Amino acid sequence: MPGTLRFILGDQLDTEISSLRDVNASNDVVFMCEVADEANYVRHHKQKIAFLFSAMRHHAQALKDRGLTVRYTKLNDPENAGSFTDELARAVAEVEPERIVVTEPGEWRVLEDMRSWEGRFGVPVDILDDDRFYCTRQRFADWAQGRKALRMEFFYREMRRENDILMEGDKPVGGQWNFDKDNRETMASEVEVPAHHVFRPDEITYEVIELIKTRFGNHFGSLDKFEWPVTRPEALRALGFFIEERFSGYGTYQDAMKQGEPFLFHSLLSPMINCGLLRPKEVVDAALEAYDDGKAPLNAVEGFVRQIIGWREYVRGIYWLKMPDYKDSNELSATRPLPDFYWTGETQMNCLRQAITETRENAYAHHIQRLMVTGNFALIAGLSPAEVEEWYLIVYADAYEWVELPNVHGMILYADGGYLASKPYASSGAYINKMSDYCGNCSYSVSKKNGPKACPFNYLYWNFLIENEETLRSNQRMGMMYGTLNRMKPDKIDAIKEDSRRFLESL
């Protein structure tokens, strides 16, 4: 008797995913596939593809070990049809199921495909909620209703209250909701950076790496140092390493940057959380347990928890609330093409060279590198939102459109006109100099404001304010900056404009 065909996507590698919750091992078939369309719709970082394909293969084996029947299509299978829908068509023809069950995807374009399956295959298709999140899509929509702008801080507080996280009755632990001001210390040279734990590739991963080299050799990134956890047990070990060895310093130094140290005190757990190898709740619970056991201070725990129940949930809510039109806005009319150095790392600006080179090697950069180095430059240089957003989607192992797009479009580029962020996150070179040791090894001087040797961030920052004054002056949070700009002498304004013109034309 035909059973149910249960389709598992590459970012749903959780044995407790909603589409598997009532699986019948005797007659259901679990279906998974590696398809070229998903690897190529943007030219994803080689490590990102290798990470997901290896994790998928390991997950399929784990499901088989549970006694489930798994139909798995590898990328290089001769009959691979190349897309989710076409591969599903082959599976339906072979299995002849009575229905198809799938958990809703994380991306709008995939959901649109899913909605066509029932009509195409003539088989009932149940698209189940993805309940791995704290906040349902409907819950977020209810919270957002009637608000002109959606501020993460207020959403975050509601998530804290609803889930009784770091609460003492109706008050936050420590007497304040946010300890961000305590999380901005620079890395002194004597601070010892914890060791980075490496997960050695096994036979399955090596096979995948060779496949990626063959099929996607012209994609961005390096496979020379593939060190990601690709199984559930490895992901749990990675969580344990972070809690025991890095977490205590995470809060204080989470915004710091240090040359030659891409990981510092960061967890590196987001790729595993976003693909399903780790569950958000268990990660938050581990952080709370560490606080209770005295292994991590409150500023570290609150800052870490905020990233998961605050930012992660919040950007997902905005994505589903505003798609598919959200990505089409361009509030600041930015149109400049993405410079080649975003791919090569070949630039005299050391901060950008460090962040991009480390991204190419690791498929990773931490949030301040993303926001205040590569993102800050993209904002003040007026780079095209579509090109910048595609770059962010390509280069990071944890990037999926639902999490990447709101962060880049709204937070980094202010392209949504302040729907997500209360102001543009623009800065001069002074911020980068404060939070890193990059500037000491740069060809430019961060102390110089104008001229060929001046740090480009310095004059581009003011040029950005000049060029966007009509749009931004009314923003109350920009009042101090525009007050300073108003006091500048005409010759200073002319120098800013000329330095910016010269530099931008050279890109």
Protein backbone atom coordinates (compact mmCIF):
# COMPACT_ATOMS: atom_id res chain seq x y z
CA MET A 1 0.00 0.00 0.00
CA PRO A 2 1.53 3.37 -0.99
CA GLY A 3 2.34 5.64 1.93
CA THR A 4 3.54 9.20 2.32
CA LEU A 5 6.48 10.77 0.50
CA ARG A 6 8.22 13.07 2.97
CA PHE A 7 10.43 15.66 1.30
CA ILE A 8 13.31 16.98 3.45
CA LEU A 9 15.15 20.11 2.27
CA GLY A 10 18.84 20.75 2.85
CA ASP A 11 18.18 23.23 5.66
CA GLN A 12 15.77 20.88 7.47
CA LEU A 13 18.28 18.39 8.84
CA ASP A 14 16.46 17.85 12.12
CA THR A 15 15.08 14.42 13.00
CA GLU A 16 12.24 16.21 14.81
CA ILE A 17 11.24 18.41 11.84
CA SER A 18 7.46 18.70 11.50
CA SER A 19 7.36 16.69 8.25
CA LEU A 20 8.83 13.65 10.06
CA ARG A 21 6.89 13.86 13.29
CA ASP A 22 4.28 11.22 12.40
CA VAL A 23 6.43 9.22 9.98
CA ASN A 24 5.41 5.58 9.49
CA ALA A 25 8.58 3.54 9.07
CA SER A 26 6.69 0.64 7.49
CA ASN A 27 5.42 2.38 4.37
CA ASP A 28 6.56 6.04 4.22
CA VAL A 29 9.50 7.15 2.10
CA VAL A 30 11.78 10.04 3.05
CA PHE A 31 13.03 11.90 -0.01
CA MET A 32 16.15 14.11 -0.19
CA CYS A 33 18.03 15.46 -3.19
CA GLU A 34 21.07 17.47 -4.13
CA VAL A 35 20.18 19.62 -7.14
CA ALA A 36 22.17 21.93 -9.37
CA ASP A 37 19.51 24.63 -9.32
CA GLU A 38 20.00 25.18 -5.59
CA ALA A 39 23.78 25.20 -5.84
CA ASN A 40 23.73 27.58 -8.81
CA TYR A 41 20.83 30.01 -8.42
CA VAL A 42 23.59 32.15 -6.97
CA ARG A 43 27.20 30.97 -7.15
CA HIS A 44 27.43 29.85 -3.51
CA HIS A 45 30.75 29.60 -1.70
CA LYS A 46 32.30 26.19 -2.32
CA GLN A 47 32.41 25.46 1.42
CA LYS A 48 28.74 26.33 1.80
CA ILE A 49 27.74 23.77 -0.84
CA ALA A 50 30.14 21.17 0.55
CA PHE A 51 28.87 21.75 4.10
CA LEU A 52 25.23 21.29 3.12
CA PHE A 53 25.72 18.29 0.82
CA SER A 54 27.87 16.51 3.39
CA ALA A 55 25.42 17.31 6.20
CA MET A 56 22.55 16.08 4.01
CA ARG A 57 24.29 12.78 3.26
CA HIS A 58 25.10 12.22 6.90
CA HIS A 59 21.52 13.07 7.87
CA ALA A 60 20.14 10.63 5.32
CA GLN A 61 22.30 7.90 6.82
CA ALA A 62 21.09 8.81 10.33
CA LEU A 63 17.49 8.45 9.17
CA LYS A 64 18.28 5.07 7.62
CA ASP A 65 19.85 4.01 10.89
CA ARG A 66 16.50 4.77 12.54
CA GLY A 67 14.86 2.27 10.22
CA LEU A 68 13.37 4.76 7.76
CA THR A 69 13.32 4.25 4.00
CA VAL A 70 15.26 7.08 2.36
CA ARG A 71 15.33 7.86 -1.36
CA TYR A 72 18.37 10.10 -1.86
CA THR A 73 19.55 11.68 -5.10
CA LYS A 74 23.17 12.77 -5.26
CA LEU A 75 24.22 15.66 -7.47
CA ASN A 76 26.21 13.39 -9.78
CA ASP A 77 23.55 10.70 -10.15
CA PRO A 78 23.11 10.28 -13.94
CA GLU A 79 19.33 10.71 -13.79
CA ASN A 80 19.38 13.78 -11.53
CA ALA A 81 16.86 16.20 -13.06
CA GLY A 82 18.52 19.28 -11.54
CA SER A 83 15.67 20.94 -9.61
CA PHE A 84 13.50 20.25 -6.57
CA THR A 85 10.32 20.02 -8.61
CA ASP A 86 11.73 17.80 -11.34
CA GLU A 87 13.41 15.49 -8.86
CA LEU A 88 10.20 15.28 -6.88
CA ALA A 89 8.39 14.35 -10.09
CA ARG A 90 10.76 11.39 -10.52
CA ALA A 91 10.22 10.34 -6.91
CA VAL A 92 6.43 10.56 -7.22
CA ALA A 93 6.49 8.44 -10.38
CA GLU A 94 8.61 5.81 -8.64
CA VAL A 95 6.95 5.75 -5.19
CA GLU A 96 3.34 6.55 -6.23
CA PRO A 97 2.55 8.03 -2.81
CA GLU A 98 -0.91 8.79 -1.50
CA ARG A 99 0.31 12.23 -0.39
CA ILE A 100 3.40 14.42 -0.10
CA VAL A 101 4.39 16.02 3.19
CA VAL A 102 6.96 18.80 3.49
CA THR A 103 7.87 21.42 6.06
CA GLU A 104 7.53 24.96 4.75
CA PRO A 105 10.80 26.26 3.27
CA GLY A 106 12.80 29.24 4.44
CA GLU A 107 12.70 31.04 1.10
CA TRP A 108 9.82 32.61 -0.82
CA ARG A 109 10.85 31.26 -4.23
CA VAL A 110 10.81 27.66 -2.94
CA LEU A 111 7.41 28.12 -1.31
CA GLU A 112 6.03 29.33 -4.65
CA ASP A 113 7.28 26.10 -6.26
CA MET A 114 5.75 24.01 -3.47
CA ARG A 115 2.35 25.59 -3.99
CA SER A 116 2.34 24.31 -7.57
CA TRP A 117 3.10 20.69 -6.70
CA GLU A 118 -0.40 19.49 -5.89
CA GLY A 119 -1.74 20.65 -9.27
CA ARG A 120 1.26 19.29 -11.12
CA PHE A 121 1.42 15.85 -9.51
CA GLY A 122 -2.24 15.24 -8.77
CA VAL A 123 -1.30 14.20 -5.23
CA PRO A 124 -2.29 16.03 -2.02
CA VAL A 125 0.58 18.14 -0.69
CA ASP A 126 0.67 19.06 3.01
CA ILE A 127 2.96 22.04 3.69
CA LEU A 128 3.51 22.05 7.45
CA ASP A 129 4.63 24.92 9.66
CA ASP A 130 8.32 25.09 10.49
CA ASP A 131 8.04 25.07 14.27
CA ARG A 132 11.77 25.17 14.96
CA PHE A 133 11.37 28.91 15.67
CA TYR A 134 10.16 30.57 18.85
CA CYS A 135 7.79 32.86 16.96
CA THR A 136 5.36 31.69 14.29
CA ARG A 137 4.90 33.76 11.18
CA GLN A 138 1.36 34.61 12.27
CA ARG A 139 2.51 35.62 15.75
CA PHE A 140 5.02 38.04 14.20
CA ALA A 141 2.41 39.45 11.83
CA ASP A 142 0.10 40.07 14.78
CA TRP A 143 2.90 41.89 16.63
CA ALA A 144 3.76 43.99 13.56
CA GLN A 145 0.20 45.00 12.74
CA GLY A 146 -0.33 48.75 13.01
CA ARG A 147 3.35 49.60 13.55
CA LYS A 148 4.99 52.03 11.09
CA ALA A 149 8.46 50.71 11.91
CA LEU A 150 9.43 47.44 13.50
CA ARG A 151 12.15 47.73 16.13
CA MET A 152 13.90 44.54 17.14
CA GLU A 153 14.36 45.64 20.74
CA PHE A 154 10.62 45.70 21.45
CA PHE A 155 10.06 42.37 19.72
CA TYR A 156 12.97 40.88 21.67
CA ARG A 157 11.46 41.94 24.97
CA GLU A 158 8.21 40.23 24.07
CA MET A 159 10.06 37.02 23.22
CA ARG A 160 11.85 37.20 26.59
CA ARG A 161 8.56 37.60 28.44
CA GLU A 162 6.65 34.96 26.49
CA ASN A 163 9.36 32.33 26.92
CA ASP A 164 10.46 33.33 30.44
CA ILE A 165 14.06 33.78 29.35
CA LEU A 166 16.36 35.75 31.67
CA MET A 167 13.36 37.04 33.59
CA GLU A 168 12.69 37.61 37.29
CA GLY A 169 8.92 37.84 37.36
CA ASP A 170 8.06 40.57 34.87
CA LYS A 171 11.50 42.22 35.11
CA PRO A 172 14.68 41.34 33.19
CA VAL A 173 17.50 39.65 35.07
CA GLY A 174 20.10 42.25 36.00
CA GLY A 175 17.60 45.09 35.84
CA GLN A 176 18.01 45.89 32.15
CA TRP A 177 16.99 44.26 28.89
CA ASN A 178 20.13 44.88 26.91
CA PHE A 179 23.80 44.77 27.93
CA ASP A 180 25.14 45.87 24.55
CA LYS A 181 27.11 48.74 26.09
CA ASP A 182 29.14 46.14 27.99
CA ASN A 183 29.93 44.19 24.81
CA ARG A 184 32.16 46.66 22.97
CA GLU A 185 35.62 46.11 24.41
CA THR A 186 38.61 46.06 22.09
CA MET A 187 40.98 43.10 22.06
CA ALA A 188 44.11 43.98 23.99
CA SER A 189 47.22 42.17 22.75
CA GLU A 190 47.49 40.18 25.98
CA VAL A 191 44.00 38.69 25.66
CA GLU A 192 44.38 35.01 24.84
CA VAL A 193 42.12 33.85 22.03
CA PRO A 194 40.64 30.36 22.59
CA ALA A 195 41.71 27.57 20.28
CA HIS A 196 39.58 26.92 17.22
CA HIS A 197 38.23 23.37 17.20
CA VAL A 198 38.59 21.62 13.87
CA PHE A 199 36.24 18.88 12.65
CA ARG A 200 38.18 16.67 10.27
CA PRO A 201 36.38 15.56 7.09
CA ASP A 202 35.43 11.90 6.95
CA GLU A 203 35.08 9.75 3.83
CA ILE A 204 31.64 11.14 2.98
CA THR A 205 32.84 14.72 3.28
CA TYR A 206 35.97 14.07 1.22
CA GLU A 207 33.78 12.61 -1.52
CA VAL A 208 31.61 15.71 -1.45
CA ILE A 209 34.63 18.04 -1.51
CA GLU A 210 35.97 16.34 -4.63
CA LEU A 211 32.54 16.65 -6.24
CA ILE A 212 32.40 20.38 -5.44
CA LYS A 213 35.88 20.92 -6.86
CA THR A 214 34.77 19.28 -10.09
CA ARG A 215 31.33 20.81 -10.48
CA PHE A 216 31.75 24.22 -8.85
CA GLY A 217 35.43 24.98 -9.20
CA ASN A 218 34.71 28.48 -10.52
CA HIS A 219 32.60 29.47 -7.52
CA PHE A 220 33.85 31.86 -4.86
CA GLY A 221 35.86 30.55 -1.94
CA SER A 222 38.42 27.98 -0.94
CA LEU A 223 38.03 24.34 0.14
CA ASP A 224 41.56 24.10 1.54
CA LYS A 225 40.40 24.39 5.17
CA PHE A 226 37.05 22.62 5.42
CA GLU A 227 36.53 22.28 9.18
CA TRP A 228 32.74 22.45 9.74
CA PRO A 229 30.73 19.99 11.83
CA VAL A 230 28.49 18.05 9.44
CA THR A 231 26.65 15.65 11.78
CA ARG A 232 24.33 16.09 14.73
CA PRO A 233 26.88 14.67 17.23
CA GLU A 234 29.60 16.98 15.85
CA ALA A 235 27.28 19.98 16.07
CA LEU A 236 26.53 19.18 19.71
CA ARG A 237 30.26 18.93 20.38
CA ALA A 238 30.73 22.35 18.76
CA LEU A 239 28.06 23.77 21.06
CA GLY A 240 29.83 22.23 24.04
CA PHE A 241 33.19 23.67 22.97
CA PHE A 242 31.70 27.14 22.73
CA ILE A 243 29.99 26.99 26.11
CA GLU A 244 33.07 25.65 27.88
CA GLU A 245 35.87 27.56 26.16
CA ARG A 246 34.60 30.72 24.44
CA PHE A 247 31.36 31.82 26.00
CA SER A 248 32.84 33.60 29.02
CA GLY A 249 34.56 36.13 26.73
CA TYR A 250 31.91 36.32 24.06
CA GLY A 251 29.98 39.25 25.48
CA THR A 252 32.89 41.54 26.25
CA TYR A 253 34.66 41.00 22.93
CA GLN A 254 31.82 40.20 20.55
CA ASP A 255 32.33 43.43 18.56
CA ALA A 256 36.13 43.23 18.46
CA MET A 257 38.19 42.40 15.37
CA LYS A 258 41.78 41.17 15.30
CA GLN A 259 44.04 40.55 12.35
CA GLY A 260 44.73 36.86 11.79
CA GLU A 261 42.01 35.82 14.27
CA PRO A 262 38.75 35.33 12.35
CA PHE A 263 36.89 33.46 15.11
CA LEU A 264 37.87 35.08 18.43
CA PHE A 265 35.17 34.27 21.03
CA HIS A 266 32.34 33.67 18.56
CA SER A 267 30.35 30.45 18.54
CA LEU A 268 30.38 29.59 14.79
CA LEU A 269 27.08 27.77 15.43
CA SER A 270 24.85 29.66 12.99
CA PRO A 271 25.46 27.32 10.01
CA MET A 272 24.39 24.34 12.12
CA ILE A 273 21.38 26.15 13.57
CA ASN A 274 20.21 27.39 10.17
CA CYS A 275 20.43 23.95 8.53
CA GLY A 276 18.82 22.07 11.42
CA LEU A 277 21.73 20.21 12.99
CA LEU A 278 21.19 22.30 16.13
CA ARG A 279 17.85 23.48 17.48
CA PRO A 280 17.59 27.13 18.56
CA LYS A 281 15.92 26.22 21.83
CA GLU A 282 18.62 23.77 22.86
CA VAL A 283 21.29 26.37 22.10
CA VAL A 284 19.50 29.00 24.18
CA ASP A 285 18.94 26.45 26.98
CA ALA A 286 22.66 25.63 26.97
CA ALA A 287 23.49 29.33 27.29
CA LEU A 288 21.04 29.77 30.17
CA GLU A 289 22.43 26.70 31.93
CA ALA A 290 25.94 28.11 31.57
CA TYR A 291 24.76 31.31 33.26
CA ASP A 292 23.11 29.39 36.07
CA ASP A 293 26.31 27.36 36.56
CA GLY A 294 28.49 30.47 36.65
CA LYS A 295 30.34 29.63 33.42
CA ALA A 296 29.39 32.84 31.59
CA PRO A 297 28.58 36.38 32.75
CA LEU A 298 25.22 38.02 32.12
CA ASN A 299 26.47 40.36 29.38
CA ALA A 300 27.66 37.34 27.37
CA VAL A 301 24.51 35.32 27.90
CA GLU A 302 22.13 38.18 27.17
CA GLY A 303 24.04 39.21 24.06
CA PHE A 304 24.12 35.66 22.75
CA VAL A 305 20.46 34.95 23.52
CA ARG A 306 19.49 38.22 21.82
CA GLN A 307 21.07 37.04 18.58
CA ILE A 308 18.84 33.94 18.56
CA ILE A 309 15.48 34.88 20.05
CA GLY A 310 15.86 38.51 19.01
CA TRP A 311 17.60 39.12 15.72
CA ARG A 312 17.17 35.68 14.14
CA GLU A 313 13.45 35.49 14.86
CA TYR A 314 12.93 39.15 14.00
CA VAL A 315 14.51 39.09 10.55
CA ARG A 316 12.60 35.93 9.68
CA GLY A 317 9.39 37.66 10.66
CA ILE A 318 10.17 40.69 8.52
CA TYR A 319 11.14 38.49 5.56
CA TRP A 320 7.83 36.64 5.47
CA LEU A 321 5.84 39.75 6.30
CA LYS A 322 7.27 41.87 3.47
CA MET A 323 8.17 39.42 0.70
CA PRO A 324 8.18 39.25 -2.27
CA ASP A 325 8.36 43.04 -2.74
CA TYR A 326 10.76 43.83 0.14
CA LYS A 327 13.93 43.40 -1.89
CA ASP A 328 12.83 45.85 -4.60
CA SER A 329 13.11 49.03 -2.53
CA ASN A 330 16.16 51.29 -2.85
CA GLU A 331 15.57 54.22 -0.50
CA LEU A 332 18.98 55.82 -1.06
CA SER A 333 19.00 55.24 -4.86
CA ALA A 334 22.32 53.39 -4.63
CA THR A 335 23.46 52.06 -8.01
CA ARG A 336 27.26 51.72 -7.99
CA PRO A 337 28.42 48.22 -9.08
CA LEU A 338 30.03 45.90 -6.55
CA PRO A 339 33.84 46.35 -6.80
CA ASP A 340 35.93 43.39 -7.89
CA PHE A 341 37.80 43.38 -4.58
CA TYR A 342 34.73 41.93 -2.86
CA TRP A 343 35.64 38.72 -4.71
CA THR A 344 39.43 38.93 -4.73
CA GLY A 345 40.24 40.69 -1.47
CA GLU A 346 42.79 42.72 -3.41
CA THR A 347 42.44 46.19 -1.94
CA GLN A 348 44.76 48.55 -0.09
CA MET A 349 42.12 48.95 2.66
CA ASN A 350 43.37 46.42 5.18
CA CYS A 351 40.08 46.05 7.06
CA LEU A 352 38.29 45.02 3.87
CA ARG A 353 41.19 42.84 2.79
CA GLN A 354 41.13 41.00 6.13
CA ALA A 355 37.36 40.47 6.20
CA ILE A 356 37.06 39.38 2.57
CA THR A 357 40.13 37.13 2.63
CA GLU A 358 38.89 35.39 5.78
CA THR A 359 35.45 35.02 4.22
CA ARG A 360 36.97 33.41 1.14
CA GLU A 361 38.97 30.98 3.29
CA ASN A 362 36.30 30.14 5.88
CA ALA A 363 32.85 31.00 4.43
CA TYR A 364 32.54 32.99 7.64
CA ALA A 365 32.97 36.46 9.11
CA HIS A 366 31.48 37.62 12.39
CA HIS A 367 28.66 40.15 12.62
CA ILE A 368 30.78 43.29 13.07
CA GLN A 369 32.94 42.43 10.07
CA ARG A 370 29.73 41.95 8.07
CA LEU A 371 28.01 45.09 9.35
CA MET A 372 30.78 47.63 9.95
CA VAL A 373 33.46 46.64 7.44
CA THR A 374 32.09 45.09 4.24
CA GLY A 375 28.60 46.41 4.94
CA ASN A 376 29.64 49.90 6.04
CA PHE A 377 31.71 50.33 2.90
CA ALA A 378 28.84 49.11 0.70
CA LEU A 379 26.53 51.66 2.36
CA ILE A 380 28.73 54.76 2.20
CA ALA A 381 30.04 53.92 -1.28
CA GLY A 382 26.47 53.68 -2.58
CA LEU A 383 26.73 50.13 -3.88
CA SER A 384 23.74 48.54 -5.60
CA PRO A 385 21.56 46.75 -3.02
CA ALA A 386 20.83 43.84 -5.37
CA GLU A 387 24.53 43.20 -5.99
CA VAL A 388 25.49 43.54 -2.34
CA GLU A 389 22.65 41.27 -1.22
CA GLU A 390 23.67 38.60 -3.72
CA TRP A 391 27.25 38.77 -2.45
CA TYR A 392 26.15 38.24 1.16
CA LEU A 393 23.96 35.32 0.09
CA ILE A 394 26.84 33.72 -1.78
CA VAL A 395 29.77 33.99 0.60
CA TYR A 396 28.61 32.75 4.02
CA ALA A 397 27.91 29.18 5.12
CA ASP A 398 24.97 30.36 7.25
CA ALA A 399 23.33 32.53 4.56
CA TYR A 400 19.80 31.86 3.38
CA GLU A 401 17.62 34.53 1.84
CA TRP A 402 15.25 34.71 4.83
CA VAL A 403 18.06 35.70 7.18
CA GLU A 404 20.39 37.45 4.72
CA LEU A 405 17.97 39.74 2.93
CA PRO A 406 16.49 41.71 5.87
CA ASN A 407 19.90 42.00 7.52
CA VAL A 408 21.54 43.39 4.39
CA HIS A 409 18.66 45.26 2.75
CA GLY A 410 17.39 46.84 5.96
CA MET A 411 20.16 46.80 8.56
CA ILE A 412 23.27 47.27 6.42
CA LEU A 413 22.07 49.26 3.40
CA TYR A 414 19.03 51.13 4.78
CA ALA A 415 17.43 50.31 1.43
CA ASP A 416 14.02 49.87 3.05
CA GLY A 417 14.01 53.45 4.30
CA GLY A 418 14.14 52.65 7.99
CA TYR A 419 11.49 49.96 8.24
CA LEU A 420 13.99 47.70 10.01
CA ALA A 421 16.79 49.98 11.27
CA SER A 422 16.21 53.32 12.97
CA LYS A 423 19.18 54.89 11.15
CA PRO A 424 21.89 53.93 8.65
CA TYR A 425 24.83 52.11 10.27
CA ALA A 426 27.49 54.31 8.69
CA SER A 427 30.81 55.20 10.24
CA SER A 428 34.19 56.63 9.43
CA GLY A 429 37.47 54.81 9.91
CA ALA A 430 37.52 55.80 13.59
CA TYR A 431 35.09 53.02 14.56
CA ILE A 432 37.12 50.35 12.75
CA ASN A 433 40.30 51.66 14.37
CA LYS A 434 38.67 51.54 17.80
CA MET A 435 37.40 47.97 17.44
CA SER A 436 40.34 46.37 15.62
CA ASP A 437 44.06 46.35 14.99
CA TYR A 438 43.52 46.54 11.23
CA CYS A 439 44.44 50.19 10.73
CA GLY A 440 48.03 49.81 11.89
CA ASN A 441 48.79 47.60 8.88
CA CYS A 442 46.89 49.62 6.28
CA SER A 443 48.24 51.55 3.31
CA TYR A 444 45.99 54.44 4.30
CA SER A 445 46.15 56.55 7.44
CA VAL A 446 43.06 56.46 9.61
CA SER A 447 44.11 59.75 11.23
CA LYS A 448 44.06 61.61 7.90
CA LYS A 449 40.69 62.98 6.84
CA ASN A 450 41.49 64.07 3.29
CA GLY A 451 43.99 63.47 0.52
CA PRO A 452 45.33 60.37 -1.28
CA LYS A 453 46.69 58.79 1.91
CA ALA A 454 43.56 59.37 4.00
CA CYS A 455 41.44 56.42 5.01
CA PRO A 456 38.65 56.25 2.39
CA PHE A 457 36.09 55.53 5.11
CA ASN A 458 36.73 59.03 6.50
CA TYR A 459 35.71 61.09 3.50
CA LEU A 460 33.22 58.56 2.12
CA TYR A 461 31.29 58.77 5.41
CA TRP A 462 30.77 62.52 5.08
CA ASN A 463 30.15 62.25 1.36
CA PHE A 464 27.42 59.72 2.11
CA LEU A 465 25.75 62.23 4.45
CA ILE A 466 26.07 64.98 1.87
CA GLU A 467 24.65 62.92 -0.98
CA ASN A 468 21.72 61.64 1.09
CA GLU A 469 20.95 64.76 3.08
CA GLU A 470 17.50 65.26 1.60
CA THR A 471 16.48 61.74 2.67
CA LEU A 472 18.26 61.49 6.01
CA ARG A 473 18.25 64.95 7.58
CA SER A 474 14.79 64.49 9.08
CA ASN A 475 15.94 61.35 10.95
CA GLN A 476 16.22 62.38 14.61
CA ARG A 477 19.11 59.98 15.19
CA MET A 478 21.13 61.73 12.48
CA GLY A 479 20.80 65.21 13.99
CA MET A 480 24.26 65.31 15.61
CA MET A 481 26.02 64.23 12.40
CA TYR A 482 24.21 66.80 10.29
CA GLY A 483 24.90 69.45 12.92
CA THR A 484 28.62 68.73 12.50
CA LEU A 485 28.27 68.75 8.72
CA ASN A 486 26.55 72.17 8.85
CA ARG A 487 29.54 73.63 10.69
CA MET A 488 32.06 72.47 8.09
CA LYS A 489 33.65 75.16 5.96
CA PRO A 490 33.02 75.12 2.19
CA ASP A 491 36.61 74.16 1.37
CA LYS A 492 36.31 71.12 3.67
CA ILE A 493 33.09 70.07 1.92
CA ASP A 494 34.78 70.48 -1.46
CA ALA A 495 37.72 68.31 -0.34
CA ILE A 496 35.34 65.57 0.85
CA LYS A 497 33.51 65.58 -2.46
CA GLU A 498 36.71 65.58 -4.52
CA ASP A 499 38.38 62.79 -2.52
CA SER A 500 35.22 60.71 -2.80
CA ARG A 501 34.89 61.32 -6.53
CA ARG A 502 38.52 60.36 -7.12
CA PHE A 503 38.31 57.21 -5.00
CA LEU A 504 34.95 55.97 -6.28
CA GLU A 505 35.95 56.48 -9.90
CA SER A 506 39.02 54.31 -9.24
CA LEU A 507 36.98 51.27 -8.13
